[in-house]
Amino acid sequence: MIKDPNILLSVINTKLRDQYFSLDELCDDLDYSKEEIVEILSNNGFFYDSNKNQFIQK
């Protein structure tokens, strides 16, 4: 798992835009921890917007 929040944000949002319909689908397919992704990005001012299917700034 990528720990740098800026790189993680870029990779996750790109995958959500290009390959996955939801964060749950991405995490299930790639065996990522949804909680870990949300925690890292939340601690850096981002939250997952399910309507936009991307992480955006708070």
PDB file of N, CA and C in Angstrom:
ATOM      1  N   MET A   1       0.851  -1.183   0.000  1.00  0.00           N
ATOM      2  CA  MET A   1       0.000   0.000   0.000  1.00  0.00           C
ATOM      3  C   MET A   1       0.887   1.233   0.000  1.00  0.00           C
ATOM      4  N   ILE A   2       0.514   2.192  -0.796  1.00  0.00           N
ATOM      5  CA  ILE A   2       1.238   3.462  -0.895  1.00  0.00           C
ATOM      6  C   ILE A   2       0.940   4.280   0.360  1.00  0.00           C
ATOM      7  N   LYS A   3       1.970   4.767   1.018  1.00  0.00           N
ATOM      8  CA  LYS A   3       1.782   5.536   2.254  1.00  0.00           C
ATOM      9  C   LYS A   3       1.813   7.041   2.033  1.00  0.00           C
ATOM     10  N   ASP A   4       2.452   7.505   0.957  1.00  0.00           N
ATOM     11  CA  ASP A   4       2.502   8.938   0.676  1.00  0.00           C
ATOM     12  C   ASP A   4       1.102   9.388   0.259  1.00  0.00           C
ATOM     13  N   PRO A   5       0.481  10.299   1.017  1.00  0.00           N
ATOM     14  CA  PRO A   5      -0.909  10.664   0.739  1.00  0.00           C
ATOM     15  C   PRO A   5      -1.133  11.291  -0.636  1.00  0.00           C
ATOM     16  N   ASN A   6      -0.177  12.047  -1.134  1.00  0.00           N
ATOM     17  CA  ASN A   6      -0.347  12.685  -2.449  1.00  0.00           C
ATOM     18  C   ASN A   6      -0.325  11.655  -3.570  1.00  0.00           C
ATOM     19  N   ILE A   7       0.583  10.709  -3.480  1.00  0.00           N
ATOM     20  CA  ILE A   7       0.653   9.657  -4.491  1.00  0.00           C
ATOM     21  C   ILE A   7      -0.554   8.740  -4.371  1.00  0.00           C
ATOM     22  N   LEU A   8      -0.922   8.395  -3.138  1.00  0.00           N
ATOM     23  CA  LEU A   8      -2.093   7.545  -2.912  1.00  0.00           C
ATOM     24  C   LEU A   8      -3.343   8.194  -3.499  1.00  0.00           C
ATOM     25  N   LEU A   9      -3.536   9.478  -3.240  1.00  0.00           N
ATOM     26  CA  LEU A   9      -4.689  10.199  -3.775  1.00  0.00           C
ATOM     27  C   LEU A   9      -4.722  10.116  -5.296  1.00  0.00           C
ATOM     28  N   SER A  10      -3.603  10.363  -5.917  1.00  0.00           N
ATOM     29  CA  SER A  10      -3.528  10.338  -7.373  1.00  0.00           C
ATOM     30  C   SER A  10      -3.838   8.952  -7.936  1.00  0.00           C
ATOM     31  N   VAL A  11      -3.236   7.937  -7.360  1.00  0.00           N
ATOM     32  CA  VAL A  11      -3.430   6.565  -7.847  1.00  0.00           C
ATOM     33  C   VAL A  11      -4.875   6.114  -7.642  1.00  0.00           C
ATOM     34  N   ILE A  12      -5.405   6.331  -6.449  1.00  0.00           N
ATOM     35  CA  ILE A  12      -6.770   5.882  -6.142  1.00  0.00           C
ATOM     36  C   ILE A  12      -7.785   6.610  -7.021  1.00  0.00           C
ATOM     37  N   ASN A  13      -7.675   7.933  -7.126  1.00  0.00           N
ATOM     38  CA  ASN A  13      -8.641   8.664  -7.950  1.00  0.00           C
ATOM     39  C   ASN A  13      -8.543   8.291  -9.421  1.00  0.00           C
ATOM     40  N   THR A  14      -7.340   8.023  -9.908  1.00  0.00           N
ATOM     41  CA  THR A  14      -7.184   7.591 -11.297  1.00  0.00           C
ATOM     42  C   THR A  14      -7.856   6.241 -11.514  1.00  0.00           C
ATOM     43  N   LYS A  15      -7.631   5.307 -10.596  1.00  0.00           N
ATOM     44  CA  LYS A  15      -8.247   3.987 -10.718  1.00  0.00           C
ATOM     45  C   LYS A  15      -9.769   4.082 -10.608  1.00  0.00           C
ATOM     46  N   LEU A  16     -10.255   4.923  -9.701  1.00  0.00           N
ATOM     47  CA  LEU A  16     -11.704   5.100  -9.569  1.00  0.00           C
ATOM     48  C   LEU A  16     -12.297   5.683 -10.845  1.00  0.00           C
ATOM     49  N   ARG A  17     -11.606   6.618 -11.446  1.00  0.00           N
ATOM     50  CA  ARG A  17     -12.104   7.252 -12.671  1.00  0.00           C
ATOM     51  C   ARG A  17     -12.078   6.287 -13.857  1.00  0.00           C
ATOM     52  N   ASP A  18     -10.992   5.516 -13.969  1.00  0.00           N
ATOM     53  CA  ASP A  18     -10.777   4.718 -15.176  1.00  0.00           C
ATOM     54  C   ASP A  18     -11.238   3.265 -15.102  1.00  0.00           C
ATOM     55  N   GLN A  19     -11.315   2.695 -13.887  1.00  0.00           N
ATOM     56  CA  GLN A  19     -11.522   1.247 -13.809  1.00  0.00           C
ATOM     57  C   GLN A  19     -12.630   0.783 -12.879  1.00  0.00           C
ATOM     58  N   TYR A  20     -12.979   1.570 -11.868  1.00  0.00           N
ATOM     59  CA  TYR A  20     -13.884   1.060 -10.838  1.00  0.00           C
ATOM     60  C   TYR A  20     -15.078   1.987 -10.622  1.00  0.00           C
ATOM     61  N   PHE A  21     -16.211   1.379 -10.303  1.00  0.00           N
ATOM     62  CA  PHE A  21     -17.436   2.129 -10.070  1.00  0.00           C
ATOM     63  C   PHE A  21     -17.591   2.573  -8.618  1.00  0.00           C
ATOM     64  N   SER A  22     -16.745   2.050  -7.710  1.00  0.00           N
ATOM     65  CA  SER A  22     -16.837   2.426  -6.304  1.00  0.00           C
ATOM     66  C   SER A  22     -15.526   2.105  -5.587  1.00  0.00           C
ATOM     67  N   LEU A  23     -15.354   2.733  -4.446  1.00  0.00           N
ATOM     68  CA  LEU A  23     -14.181   2.461  -3.612  1.00  0.00           C
ATOM     69  C   LEU A  23     -14.219   1.018  -3.110  1.00  0.00           C
ATOM     70  N   ASP A  24     -15.399   0.524  -2.776  1.00  0.00           N
ATOM     71  CA  ASP A  24     -15.531  -0.868  -2.322  1.00  0.00           C
ATOM     72  C   ASP A  24     -15.066  -1.844  -3.399  1.00  0.00           C
ATOM     73  N   GLU A  25     -15.476  -1.598  -4.628  1.00  0.00           N
ATOM     74  CA  GLU A  25     -15.077  -2.474  -5.738  1.00  0.00           C
ATOM     75  C   GLU A  25     -13.555  -2.453  -5.918  1.00  0.00           C
ATOM     76  N   LEU A  26     -12.967  -1.271  -5.878  1.00  0.00           N
ATOM     77  CA  LEU A  26     -11.513  -1.147  -6.013  1.00  0.00           C
ATOM     78  C   LEU A  26     -10.804  -1.928  -4.907  1.00  0.00           C
ATOM     79  N   CYS A  27     -11.223  -1.723  -3.676  1.00  0.00           N
ATOM     80  CA  CYS A  27     -10.578  -2.386  -2.534  1.00  0.00           C
ATOM     81  C   CYS A  27     -10.736  -3.901  -2.596  1.00  0.00           C
ATOM     82  N   ASP A  28     -11.909  -4.370  -2.968  1.00  0.00           N
ATOM     83  CA  ASP A  28     -12.130  -5.815  -3.085  1.00  0.00           C
ATOM     84  C   ASP A  28     -11.245  -6.417  -4.174  1.00  0.00           C
ATOM     85  N   ASP A  29     -11.183  -5.757  -5.303  1.00  0.00           N
ATOM     86  CA  ASP A  29     -10.422  -6.281  -6.437  1.00  0.00           C
ATOM     87  C   ASP A  29      -8.919  -6.272  -6.178  1.00  0.00           C
ATOM     88  N   LEU A  30      -8.425  -5.218  -5.565  1.00  0.00           N
ATOM     89  CA  LEU A  30      -6.980  -5.078  -5.352  1.00  0.00           C
ATOM     90  C   LEU A  30      -6.531  -5.544  -3.975  1.00  0.00           C
ATOM     91  N   ASP A  31      -7.467  -5.997  -3.169  1.00  0.00           N
ATOM     92  CA  ASP A  31      -7.191  -6.459  -1.805  1.00  0.00           C
ATOM     93  C   ASP A  31      -6.543  -5.352  -0.976  1.00  0.00           C
ATOM     94  N   TYR A  32      -7.090  -4.132  -1.098  1.00  0.00           N
ATOM     95  CA  TYR A  32      -6.643  -2.987  -0.308  1.00  0.00           C
ATOM     96  C   TYR A  32      -7.565  -2.843   0.885  1.00  0.00           C
ATOM     97  N   SER A  33      -7.049  -2.252   1.938  1.00  0.00           N
ATOM     98  CA  SER A  33      -7.853  -1.956   3.112  1.00  0.00           C
ATOM     99  C   SER A  33      -8.552  -0.615   2.916  1.00  0.00           C
ATOM    100  N   LYS A  34      -9.863  -0.651   2.801  1.00  0.00           N
ATOM    101  CA  LYS A  34     -10.640   0.577   2.624  1.00  0.00           C
ATOM    102  C   LYS A  34     -10.414   1.507   3.814  1.00  0.00           C
ATOM    103  N   GLU A  35     -10.399   0.942   5.000  1.00  0.00           N
ATOM    104  CA  GLU A  35     -10.227   1.735   6.208  1.00  0.00           C
ATOM    105  C   GLU A  35      -8.878   2.452   6.212  1.00  0.00           C
ATOM    106  N   GLU A  36      -7.834   1.779   5.759  1.00  0.00           N
ATOM    107  CA  GLU A  36      -6.503   2.378   5.725  1.00  0.00           C
ATOM    108  C   GLU A  36      -6.450   3.520   4.707  1.00  0.00           C
ATOM    109  N   ILE A  37      -7.017   3.306   3.545  1.00  0.00           N
ATOM    110  CA  ILE A  37      -7.048   4.355   2.518  1.00  0.00           C
ATOM    111  C   ILE A  37      -7.803   5.573   3.038  1.00  0.00           C
ATOM    112  N   VAL A  38      -8.987   5.342   3.584  1.00  0.00           N
ATOM    113  CA  VAL A  38      -9.814   6.442   4.093  1.00  0.00           C
ATOM    114  C   VAL A  38      -9.092   7.170   5.218  1.00  0.00           C
ATOM    115  N   GLU A  39      -8.437   6.441   6.099  1.00  0.00           N
ATOM    116  CA  GLU A  39      -7.728   7.058   7.222  1.00  0.00           C
ATOM    117  C   GLU A  39      -6.569   7.936   6.738  1.00  0.00           C
ATOM    118  N   ILE A  40      -5.749   7.402   5.852  1.00  0.00           N
ATOM    119  CA  ILE A  40      -4.600   8.158   5.341  1.00  0.00           C
ATOM    120  C   ILE A  40      -5.074   9.436   4.652  1.00  0.00           C
ATOM    121  N   LEU A  41      -6.058   9.305   3.789  1.00  0.00           N
ATOM    122  CA  LEU A  41      -6.511  10.471   3.039  1.00  0.00           C
ATOM    123  C   LEU A  41      -7.317  11.433   3.905  1.00  0.00           C
ATOM    124  N   SER A  42      -8.077  10.916   4.847  1.00  0.00           N
ATOM    125  CA  SER A  42      -8.831  11.767   5.764  1.00  0.00           C
ATOM    126  C   SER A  42      -7.885  12.601   6.633  1.00  0.00           C
ATOM    127  N   ASN A  43      -6.807  11.983   7.082  1.00  0.00           N
ATOM    128  CA  ASN A  43      -5.825  12.698   7.902  1.00  0.00           C
ATOM    129  C   ASN A  43      -5.114  13.795   7.116  1.00  0.00           C
ATOM    130  N   ASN A  44      -5.267  13.772   5.812  1.00  0.00           N
ATOM    131  CA  ASN A  44      -4.627  14.762   4.954  1.00  0.00           C
ATOM    132  C   ASN A  44      -5.642  15.662   4.243  1.00  0.00           C
ATOM    133  N   GLY A  45      -6.875  15.696   4.777  1.00  0.00           N
ATOM    134  CA  GLY A  45      -7.858  16.663   4.309  1.00  0.00           C
ATOM    135  C   GLY A  45      -8.750  16.220   3.159  1.00  0.00           C
ATOM    136  N   PHE A  46      -8.879  14.920   2.929  1.00  0.00           N
ATOM    137  CA  PHE A  46      -9.712  14.427   1.838  1.00  0.00           C
ATOM    138  C   PHE A  46     -10.778  13.472   2.362  1.00  0.00           C
ATOM    139  N   PHE A  47     -11.896  13.405   1.648  1.00  0.00           N
ATOM    140  CA  PHE A  47     -12.924  12.420   1.968  1.00  0.00           C
ATOM    141  C   PHE A  47     -13.458  11.828   0.674  1.00  0.00           C
ATOM    142  N   TYR A  48     -14.005  10.625   0.788  1.00  0.00           N
ATOM    143  CA  TYR A  48     -14.547   9.934  -0.380  1.00  0.00           C
ATOM    144  C   TYR A  48     -15.966  10.405  -0.633  1.00  0.00           C
ATOM    145  N   ASP A  49     -16.213  10.907  -1.817  1.00  0.00           N
ATOM    146  CA  ASP A  49     -17.543  11.314  -2.250  1.00  0.00           C
ATOM    147  C   ASP A  49     -18.070  10.221  -3.183  1.00  0.00           C
ATOM    148  N   SER A  50     -19.007   9.429  -2.691  1.00  0.00           N
ATOM    149  CA  SER A  50     -19.512   8.299  -3.481  1.00  0.00           C
ATOM    150  C   SER A  50     -20.284   8.755  -4.715  1.00  0.00           C
ATOM    151  N   ASN A  51     -20.885   9.946  -4.670  1.00  0.00           N
ATOM    152  CA  ASN A  51     -21.610  10.452  -5.841  1.00  0.00           C
ATOM    153  C   ASN A  51     -20.654  10.785  -6.977  1.00  0.00           C
ATOM    154  N   LYS A  52     -19.483  11.307  -6.640  1.00  0.00           N
ATOM    155  CA  LYS A  52     -18.475  11.641  -7.643  1.00  0.00           C
ATOM    156  C   LYS A  52     -17.489  10.495  -7.871  1.00  0.00           C
ATOM    157  N   ASN A  53     -17.524   9.503  -6.970  1.00  0.00           N
ATOM    158  CA  ASN A  53     -16.623   8.355  -7.008  1.00  0.00           C
ATOM    159  C   ASN A  53     -15.160   8.817  -7.033  1.00  0.00           C
ATOM    160  N   GLN A  54     -14.848   9.706  -6.094  1.00  0.00           N
ATOM    161  CA  GLN A  54     -13.477  10.174  -5.963  1.00  0.00           C
ATOM    162  C   GLN A  54     -13.259  10.779  -4.588  1.00  0.00           C
ATOM    163  N   PHE A  55     -12.002  10.904  -4.215  1.00  0.00           N
ATOM    164  CA  PHE A  55     -11.657  11.613  -2.991  1.00  0.00           C
ATOM    165  C   PHE A  55     -11.508  13.077  -3.348  1.00  0.00           C
ATOM    166  N   ILE A  56     -12.104  13.935  -2.512  1.00  0.00           N
ATOM    167  CA  ILE A  56     -12.019  15.369  -2.720  1.00  0.00           C
ATOM    168  C   ILE A  56     -11.637  16.047  -1.404  1.00  0.00           C
ATOM    169  N   GLN A  57     -11.188  17.301  -1.485  1.00  0.00           N
ATOM    170  CA  GLN A  57     -10.800  18.026  -0.289  1.00  0.00           C
ATOM    171  C   GLN A  57     -12.009  18.372   0.551  1.00  0.00           C
ATOM    172  N   LYS A  58     -11.793  18.342   1.872  1.00  0.00           N
ATOM    173  CA  LYS A  58     -12.850  18.696   2.817  1.00  0.00           C
ATOM    174  C   LYS A  58     -13.127  20.166   2.755  1.00  0.00           C
TER     175      LYS A  58
END
